[in-house]
Amino acid sequence: MVNQFCVVFTFQLAPMRVLRFDGDLLRNTVNEIVKITELKGITWHRFTELNRLMKGLRSHEMTIISGRTGIGKTTFACEYSLDLAEQGVPTLWGSFEMPLRKICRTLLQHEPLHGLTTEQVVSWAELFSSNIPMFFINTCDVHSESDIIKI
């Protein structure tokens, strides 16, 4: 059974406090370096180099993907999350910038759907929906920080 959860969600973080590299932070960092083989997560089938750099998706970490408009963040995030979801990792999607239907379209278009009839596309989408543990938060009505906290 998979005990990890991939969350793909874009939001603005609240101000954080500044820490020194000592105490618990120092001890925890050294512990991770010493036990690096124990800390490997679920590896991606599609991203060999990402596996080498990140050691897979680990349950105690969050990955943030950022960059300017039009460079492929959503396409990459779809591929990233789809890879994990196909391995049984429940995946949660939310975006304040893009409607969910566009994210879902990008997810579905990773499969060869060209030349299929409408019925075949519907059938394939339903099969995807029932077999892939992917979930979505509707953020279209989010207008304030208090709305975000409610989610």
N, C-alpha and C. Protein backbone atom coordinates (compact mmCIF):
# COMPACT_ATOMS: atom_id res chain seq x y z
N MET A 1 0.84 -1.19 0.00
CA MET A 1 0.00 0.00 0.00
C MET A 1 0.88 1.25 0.00
N VAL A 2 0.52 2.20 -0.80
CA VAL A 2 1.28 3.45 -0.91
C VAL A 2 0.87 4.38 0.23
N ASN A 3 1.86 4.88 0.97
CA ASN A 3 1.54 5.77 2.09
C ASN A 3 2.01 7.20 1.82
N GLN A 4 2.18 7.52 0.55
CA GLN A 4 2.60 8.86 0.20
C GLN A 4 1.53 9.51 -0.65
N PHE A 5 1.54 10.82 -0.70
CA PHE A 5 0.49 11.57 -1.37
C PHE A 5 1.14 12.71 -2.13
N CYS A 6 0.92 12.80 -3.42
CA CYS A 6 1.48 13.88 -4.22
C CYS A 6 0.45 15.01 -4.29
N VAL A 7 0.84 16.21 -3.93
CA VAL A 7 -0.04 17.36 -4.01
C VAL A 7 0.54 18.36 -4.99
N VAL A 8 -0.22 18.69 -6.00
CA VAL A 8 0.18 19.72 -6.94
C VAL A 8 -0.76 20.88 -6.71
N PHE A 9 -0.25 21.94 -6.09
CA PHE A 9 -1.11 23.04 -5.68
C PHE A 9 -0.29 24.32 -5.68
N THR A 10 -0.79 25.36 -6.28
CA THR A 10 -0.06 26.62 -6.30
C THR A 10 -0.72 27.59 -5.34
N PHE A 11 0.08 28.22 -4.48
CA PHE A 11 -0.44 29.19 -3.54
C PHE A 11 0.70 30.06 -3.02
N GLN A 12 0.35 31.12 -2.34
CA GLN A 12 1.35 32.01 -1.75
C GLN A 12 1.51 31.65 -0.28
N LEU A 13 2.74 31.40 0.14
CA LEU A 13 2.99 31.02 1.52
C LEU A 13 2.95 32.22 2.45
N ALA A 14 2.52 31.99 3.67
CA ALA A 14 2.54 33.03 4.70
C ALA A 14 4.00 33.30 5.08
N PRO A 15 4.28 34.47 5.64
CA PRO A 15 5.65 34.77 6.07
C PRO A 15 6.17 33.70 7.03
N MET A 16 7.43 33.35 6.88
CA MET A 16 8.02 32.31 7.71
C MET A 16 9.11 32.92 8.58
N ARG A 17 9.43 32.25 9.67
CA ARG A 17 10.49 32.77 10.53
C ARG A 17 11.85 32.29 10.04
N VAL A 18 12.86 33.07 10.31
CA VAL A 18 14.22 32.77 9.90
C VAL A 18 14.88 31.90 10.96
N LEU A 19 15.56 30.84 10.53
CA LEU A 19 16.22 29.93 11.46
C LEU A 19 17.72 29.94 11.24
N ARG A 20 18.46 29.62 12.29
CA ARG A 20 19.91 29.41 12.17
C ARG A 20 20.14 27.94 11.88
N PHE A 21 21.26 27.65 11.27
CA PHE A 21 21.61 26.27 10.96
C PHE A 21 22.30 25.65 12.18
N ASP A 22 21.49 25.39 13.20
CA ASP A 22 21.99 24.76 14.42
C ASP A 22 20.84 24.01 15.08
N GLY A 23 21.07 23.45 16.23
CA GLY A 23 20.02 22.77 16.97
C GLY A 23 19.36 21.65 16.18
N ASP A 24 18.02 21.62 16.22
CA ASP A 24 17.26 20.57 15.54
C ASP A 24 17.52 20.56 14.04
N LEU A 25 17.61 21.72 13.42
CA LEU A 25 17.83 21.79 11.98
C LEU A 25 19.16 21.13 11.61
N LEU A 26 20.21 21.40 12.36
CA LEU A 26 21.52 20.80 12.11
C LEU A 26 21.47 19.28 12.32
N ARG A 27 20.90 18.84 13.44
CA ARG A 27 20.80 17.41 13.73
C ARG A 27 19.98 16.68 12.67
N ASN A 28 18.84 17.24 12.29
CA ASN A 28 18.00 16.59 11.28
C ASN A 28 18.68 16.53 9.93
N THR A 29 19.42 17.57 9.57
CA THR A 29 20.13 17.58 8.29
C THR A 29 21.21 16.50 8.27
N VAL A 30 22.01 16.43 9.32
CA VAL A 30 23.06 15.40 9.39
C VAL A 30 22.42 14.01 9.36
N ASN A 31 21.32 13.84 10.06
CA ASN A 31 20.62 12.55 10.07
C ASN A 31 20.17 12.16 8.66
N GLU A 32 19.67 13.11 7.88
CA GLU A 32 19.25 12.81 6.51
C GLU A 32 20.43 12.42 5.64
N ILE A 33 21.57 13.09 5.82
CA ILE A 33 22.75 12.76 5.02
C ILE A 33 23.25 11.36 5.35
N VAL A 34 23.29 11.04 6.63
CA VAL A 34 23.78 9.73 7.07
C VAL A 34 22.84 8.61 6.62
N LYS A 35 21.54 8.86 6.63
CA LYS A 35 20.56 7.83 6.31
C LYS A 35 19.91 8.05 4.95
N ILE A 36 20.66 8.58 3.98
CA ILE A 36 20.08 8.95 2.69
C ILE A 36 19.41 7.77 1.99
N THR A 37 19.95 6.58 2.12
CA THR A 37 19.34 5.44 1.43
C THR A 37 17.99 5.09 2.04
N GLU A 38 17.80 5.39 3.32
CA GLU A 38 16.52 5.12 3.97
C GLU A 38 15.46 6.15 3.60
N LEU A 39 15.89 7.29 3.06
CA LEU A 39 14.98 8.38 2.80
C LEU A 39 14.48 8.44 1.36
N LYS A 40 14.80 7.44 0.56
CA LYS A 40 14.33 7.46 -0.82
C LYS A 40 12.82 7.32 -0.84
N GLY A 41 12.22 8.01 -1.78
CA GLY A 41 10.78 7.95 -1.92
C GLY A 41 10.38 7.12 -3.14
N ILE A 42 9.18 7.34 -3.60
CA ILE A 42 8.69 6.67 -4.80
C ILE A 42 9.36 7.32 -6.01
N THR A 43 10.01 6.53 -6.82
CA THR A 43 10.71 7.09 -7.99
C THR A 43 9.77 7.18 -9.18
N TRP A 44 10.09 8.11 -10.06
CA TRP A 44 9.31 8.31 -11.28
C TRP A 44 9.79 7.37 -12.36
N HIS A 45 8.90 6.88 -13.17
CA HIS A 45 9.28 6.06 -14.32
C HIS A 45 9.78 6.93 -15.46
N ARG A 46 9.30 8.16 -15.55
CA ARG A 46 9.61 9.03 -16.69
C ARG A 46 10.80 9.97 -16.46
N PHE A 47 11.26 10.12 -15.22
CA PHE A 47 12.24 11.16 -14.92
C PHE A 47 13.47 10.60 -14.19
N THR A 48 14.35 9.98 -14.94
CA THR A 48 15.56 9.39 -14.36
C THR A 48 16.42 10.43 -13.66
N GLU A 49 16.64 11.57 -14.31
CA GLU A 49 17.49 12.61 -13.73
C GLU A 49 16.85 13.20 -12.47
N LEU A 50 15.54 13.34 -12.47
CA LEU A 50 14.83 13.84 -11.28
C LEU A 50 14.99 12.85 -10.12
N ASN A 51 14.94 11.57 -10.41
CA ASN A 51 15.16 10.56 -9.37
C ASN A 51 16.55 10.70 -8.77
N ARG A 52 17.54 10.94 -9.63
CA ARG A 52 18.91 11.08 -9.15
C ARG A 52 19.04 12.30 -8.23
N LEU A 53 18.42 13.41 -8.62
CA LEU A 53 18.53 14.65 -7.85
C LEU A 53 17.68 14.66 -6.58
N MET A 54 16.45 14.16 -6.68
CA MET A 54 15.49 14.30 -5.57
C MET A 54 15.27 13.02 -4.78
N LYS A 55 15.77 11.90 -5.29
CA LYS A 55 15.57 10.59 -4.65
C LYS A 55 14.11 10.18 -4.59
N GLY A 56 13.30 10.66 -5.54
CA GLY A 56 11.89 10.30 -5.59
C GLY A 56 11.01 11.21 -4.76
N LEU A 57 9.71 10.95 -4.79
CA LEU A 57 8.74 11.70 -3.99
C LEU A 57 8.77 11.15 -2.57
N ARG A 58 9.09 12.01 -1.62
CA ARG A 58 9.14 11.60 -0.22
C ARG A 58 7.98 12.24 0.52
N SER A 59 7.39 11.49 1.42
CA SER A 59 6.15 11.93 2.07
C SER A 59 6.32 13.20 2.90
N HIS A 60 7.51 13.53 3.31
CA HIS A 60 7.71 14.68 4.19
C HIS A 60 8.14 15.94 3.44
N GLU A 61 8.05 15.93 2.12
CA GLU A 61 8.51 17.08 1.34
C GLU A 61 7.42 17.58 0.41
N MET A 62 7.54 18.86 0.03
CA MET A 62 6.66 19.45 -0.96
C MET A 62 7.54 20.00 -2.08
N THR A 63 7.14 19.75 -3.31
CA THR A 63 7.87 20.27 -4.46
C THR A 63 7.08 21.43 -5.04
N ILE A 64 7.75 22.55 -5.23
CA ILE A 64 7.12 23.73 -5.82
C ILE A 64 7.73 23.96 -7.19
N ILE A 65 6.88 24.08 -8.18
CA ILE A 65 7.32 24.33 -9.55
C ILE A 65 6.95 25.76 -9.89
N SER A 66 7.95 26.56 -10.24
CA SER A 66 7.67 27.96 -10.56
C SER A 66 8.44 28.38 -11.80
N GLY A 67 7.98 29.46 -12.41
CA GLY A 67 8.63 29.99 -13.60
C GLY A 67 7.68 30.92 -14.32
N ARG A 68 8.20 31.56 -15.35
CA ARG A 68 7.37 32.53 -16.07
C ARG A 68 6.32 31.80 -16.93
N THR A 69 5.38 32.56 -17.40
CA THR A 69 4.27 32.04 -18.21
C THR A 69 4.78 31.39 -19.49
N GLY A 70 4.19 30.25 -19.82
CA GLY A 70 4.43 29.63 -21.11
C GLY A 70 5.67 28.76 -21.24
N ILE A 71 6.33 28.42 -20.13
CA ILE A 71 7.54 27.61 -20.27
C ILE A 71 7.31 26.12 -20.01
N GLY A 72 6.06 25.73 -19.71
CA GLY A 72 5.74 24.32 -19.57
C GLY A 72 5.58 23.81 -18.16
N LYS A 73 5.33 24.69 -17.20
CA LYS A 73 5.14 24.26 -15.81
C LYS A 73 3.97 23.30 -15.68
N THR A 74 2.83 23.66 -16.25
CA THR A 74 1.64 22.81 -16.13
C THR A 74 1.85 21.49 -16.86
N THR A 75 2.43 21.54 -18.03
CA THR A 75 2.70 20.31 -18.78
C THR A 75 3.61 19.39 -17.97
N PHE A 76 4.68 19.95 -17.42
CA PHE A 76 5.59 19.16 -16.60
C PHE A 76 4.89 18.62 -15.36
N ALA A 77 4.13 19.47 -14.66
CA ALA A 77 3.44 19.04 -13.44
C ALA A 77 2.43 17.94 -13.75
N CYS A 78 1.77 18.02 -14.90
CA CYS A 78 0.83 16.96 -15.30
C CYS A 78 1.58 15.64 -15.49
N GLU A 79 2.68 15.70 -16.19
CA GLU A 79 3.48 14.50 -16.43
C GLU A 79 4.03 13.94 -15.12
N TYR A 80 4.52 14.83 -14.27
CA TYR A 80 5.08 14.49 -12.96
C TYR A 80 4.03 13.78 -12.10
N SER A 81 2.85 14.39 -12.00
CA SER A 81 1.79 13.83 -11.15
C SER A 81 1.17 12.59 -11.77
N LEU A 82 1.05 12.56 -13.08
CA LEU A 82 0.49 11.39 -13.76
C LEU A 82 1.37 10.17 -13.55
N ASP A 83 2.67 10.36 -13.62
CA ASP A 83 3.62 9.27 -13.39
C ASP A 83 3.39 8.66 -12.00
N LEU A 84 3.27 9.52 -10.99
CA LEU A 84 3.05 9.03 -9.63
C LEU A 84 1.66 8.41 -9.46
N ALA A 85 0.64 9.05 -10.01
CA ALA A 85 -0.73 8.53 -9.89
C ALA A 85 -0.85 7.15 -10.54
N GLU A 86 -0.17 6.96 -11.67
CA GLU A 86 -0.21 5.65 -12.33
C GLU A 86 0.45 4.57 -11.48
N GLN A 87 1.28 4.97 -10.52
CA GLN A 87 1.90 4.03 -9.59
C GLN A 87 1.06 3.86 -8.32
N GLY A 88 -0.10 4.52 -8.27
CA GLY A 88 -0.99 4.38 -7.13
C GLY A 88 -0.85 5.46 -6.08
N VAL A 89 -0.04 6.50 -6.34
CA VAL A 89 0.11 7.59 -5.37
C VAL A 89 -1.06 8.56 -5.55
N PRO A 90 -1.92 8.72 -4.54
CA PRO A 90 -3.02 9.68 -4.67
C PRO A 90 -2.47 11.08 -4.92
N THR A 91 -3.06 11.77 -5.87
CA THR A 91 -2.56 13.07 -6.31
C THR A 91 -3.67 14.10 -6.23
N LEU A 92 -3.38 15.24 -5.62
CA LEU A 92 -4.35 16.32 -5.46
C LEU A 92 -3.91 17.51 -6.29
N TRP A 93 -4.80 17.99 -7.15
CA TRP A 93 -4.53 19.14 -8.04
C TRP A 93 -5.36 20.33 -7.62
N GLY A 94 -4.76 21.50 -7.68
CA GLY A 94 -5.47 22.75 -7.49
C GLY A 94 -4.65 23.87 -8.12
N SER A 95 -5.30 24.83 -8.72
CA SER A 95 -4.61 25.96 -9.31
C SER A 95 -5.49 27.19 -9.20
N PHE A 96 -4.87 28.30 -8.84
CA PHE A 96 -5.60 29.56 -8.78
C PHE A 96 -5.54 30.29 -10.12
N GLU A 97 -4.77 29.77 -11.05
CA GLU A 97 -4.57 30.46 -12.33
C GLU A 97 -5.22 29.76 -13.51
N MET A 98 -5.40 28.46 -13.44
CA MET A 98 -5.89 27.72 -14.59
C MET A 98 -7.13 26.92 -14.22
N PRO A 99 -8.18 26.98 -15.04
CA PRO A 99 -9.38 26.19 -14.76
C PRO A 99 -9.06 24.69 -14.76
N LEU A 100 -9.74 23.95 -13.91
CA LEU A 100 -9.48 22.51 -13.80
C LEU A 100 -9.69 21.78 -15.12
N ARG A 101 -10.64 22.22 -15.94
CA ARG A 101 -10.88 21.52 -17.21
C ARG A 101 -9.64 21.57 -18.11
N LYS A 102 -8.87 22.66 -18.03
CA LYS A 102 -7.65 22.76 -18.84
C LYS A 102 -6.56 21.85 -18.29
N ILE A 103 -6.48 21.75 -16.97
CA ILE A 103 -5.52 20.83 -16.36
C ILE A 103 -5.89 19.40 -16.74
N CYS A 104 -7.18 19.06 -16.64
CA CYS A 104 -7.63 17.71 -17.01
C CYS A 104 -7.37 17.43 -18.48
N ARG A 105 -7.59 18.41 -19.33
CA ARG A 105 -7.31 18.23 -20.76
C ARG A 105 -5.83 17.93 -20.97
N THR A 106 -4.96 18.67 -20.29
CA THR A 106 -3.53 18.43 -20.42
C THR A 106 -3.17 17.03 -19.93
N LEU A 107 -3.77 16.61 -18.82
CA LEU A 107 -3.52 15.26 -18.31
C LEU A 107 -3.95 14.20 -19.32
N LEU A 108 -5.15 14.36 -19.88
CA LEU A 108 -5.65 13.36 -20.83
C LEU A 108 -4.88 13.36 -22.14
N GLN A 109 -4.37 14.51 -22.54
CA GLN A 109 -3.67 14.59 -23.82
C GLN A 109 -2.27 13.98 -23.78
N HIS A 110 -1.86 13.49 -22.63
CA HIS A 110 -0.59 12.78 -22.57
C HIS A 110 -0.71 11.39 -23.19
N GLU A 111 -1.92 10.96 -23.43
CA GLU A 111 -2.17 9.68 -24.11
C GLU A 111 -2.54 9.96 -25.56
N PRO A 112 -2.24 9.02 -26.45
CA PRO A 112 -2.56 9.23 -27.87
C PRO A 112 -4.06 9.11 -28.13
N LEU A 113 -4.74 10.24 -28.20
CA LEU A 113 -6.19 10.26 -28.42
C LEU A 113 -6.55 10.70 -29.84
N HIS A 114 -5.54 10.95 -30.67
CA HIS A 114 -5.79 11.41 -32.04
C HIS A 114 -6.51 10.33 -32.85
N GLY A 115 -7.50 10.74 -33.59
CA GLY A 115 -8.21 9.81 -34.47
C GLY A 115 -9.28 8.98 -33.79
N LEU A 116 -9.47 9.16 -32.49
CA LEU A 116 -10.51 8.40 -31.79
C LEU A 116 -11.86 9.10 -31.96
N THR A 117 -12.91 8.32 -31.93
CA THR A 117 -14.25 8.89 -31.98
C THR A 117 -14.57 9.53 -30.63
N THR A 118 -15.63 10.33 -30.60
CA THR A 118 -16.06 10.95 -29.35
C THR A 118 -16.35 9.89 -28.30
N GLU A 119 -17.02 8.82 -28.71
CA GLU A 119 -17.36 7.74 -27.77
C GLU A 119 -16.11 7.09 -27.20
N GLN A 120 -15.09 6.90 -28.04
CA GLN A 120 -13.85 6.29 -27.58
C GLN A 120 -13.11 7.21 -26.60
N VAL A 121 -13.13 8.51 -26.87
CA VAL A 121 -12.48 9.46 -25.96
C VAL A 121 -13.22 9.47 -24.62
N VAL A 122 -14.55 9.48 -24.65
CA VAL A 122 -15.35 9.45 -23.42
C VAL A 122 -15.06 8.17 -22.64
N SER A 123 -15.02 7.05 -23.34
CA SER A 123 -14.75 5.77 -22.70
C SER A 123 -13.36 5.76 -22.05
N TRP A 124 -12.37 6.29 -22.78
CA TRP A 124 -11.02 6.33 -22.24
C TRP A 124 -10.95 7.26 -21.03
N ALA A 125 -11.61 8.43 -21.09
CA ALA A 125 -11.61 9.38 -19.97
C ALA A 125 -12.26 8.76 -18.73
N GLU A 126 -13.34 8.01 -18.93
CA GLU A 126 -14.00 7.35 -17.80
C GLU A 126 -13.11 6.27 -17.20
N LEU A 127 -12.39 5.54 -18.05
CA LEU A 127 -11.45 4.53 -17.58
C LEU A 127 -10.33 5.18 -16.77
N PHE A 128 -9.81 6.29 -17.27
CA PHE A 128 -8.79 7.06 -16.57
C PHE A 128 -9.32 7.48 -15.20
N SER A 129 -10.52 8.03 -15.18
CA SER A 129 -11.14 8.52 -13.96
C SER A 129 -11.30 7.43 -12.90
N SER A 130 -11.64 6.23 -13.34
CA SER A 130 -11.89 5.16 -12.38
C SER A 130 -10.62 4.43 -11.94
N ASN A 131 -9.53 4.55 -12.69
CA ASN A 131 -8.32 3.79 -12.38
C ASN A 131 -7.15 4.61 -11.83
N ILE A 132 -7.18 5.91 -11.99
CA ILE A 132 -6.06 6.75 -11.56
C ILE A 132 -6.49 7.54 -10.32
N PRO A 133 -5.74 7.43 -9.20
CA PRO A 133 -6.12 8.14 -7.97
C PRO A 133 -5.75 9.62 -8.02
N MET A 134 -6.49 10.37 -8.83
CA MET A 134 -6.21 11.79 -8.99
C MET A 134 -7.45 12.57 -8.56
N PHE A 135 -7.23 13.61 -7.75
CA PHE A 135 -8.32 14.40 -7.20
C PHE A 135 -8.07 15.87 -7.48
N PHE A 136 -9.13 16.67 -7.43
CA PHE A 136 -9.03 18.08 -7.82
C PHE A 136 -9.77 18.96 -6.81
N ILE A 137 -9.17 20.10 -6.49
CA ILE A 137 -9.82 21.11 -5.66
C ILE A 137 -10.28 22.22 -6.58
N ASN A 138 -11.57 22.55 -6.50
CA ASN A 138 -12.10 23.63 -7.32
C ASN A 138 -11.77 24.96 -6.65
N THR A 139 -10.85 25.70 -7.24
CA THR A 139 -10.42 26.97 -6.66
C THR A 139 -10.93 28.17 -7.44
N CYS A 140 -11.89 27.95 -8.33
CA CYS A 140 -12.41 29.05 -9.16
C CYS A 140 -13.06 30.15 -8.33
N ASP A 141 -13.66 29.79 -7.19
CA ASP A 141 -14.35 30.78 -6.37
C ASP A 141 -13.49 31.34 -5.25
N VAL A 142 -12.19 31.08 -5.28
CA VAL A 142 -11.29 31.57 -4.25
C VAL A 142 -10.90 33.01 -4.58
N HIS A 143 -11.20 33.92 -3.66
CA HIS A 143 -10.93 35.33 -3.89
C HIS A 143 -10.10 35.98 -2.79
N SER A 144 -9.90 35.27 -1.67
CA SER A 144 -9.17 35.88 -0.55
C SER A 144 -8.40 34.80 0.20
N GLU A 145 -7.53 35.24 1.10
CA GLU A 145 -6.77 34.30 1.91
C GLU A 145 -7.68 33.45 2.78
N SER A 146 -8.78 34.02 3.27
CA SER A 146 -9.69 33.24 4.11
C SER A 146 -10.35 32.13 3.30
N ASP A 147 -10.59 32.38 2.00
CA ASP A 147 -11.13 31.32 1.14
C ASP A 147 -10.11 30.19 1.00
N ILE A 148 -8.83 30.54 0.90
CA ILE A 148 -7.78 29.53 0.77
C ILE A 148 -7.72 28.68 2.03
N ILE A 149 -7.81 29.31 3.19
CA ILE A 149 -7.74 28.59 4.45
C ILE A 149 -8.90 27.61 4.58
N LYS A 150 -10.07 27.97 4.04
CA LYS A 150 -11.24 27.08 4.09
C LYS A 150 -10.99 25.79 3.32
N ILE A 151 -10.19 25.88 2.25
CA ILE A 151 -9.88 24.70 1.44
C ILE A 151 -9.07 23.74 2.27
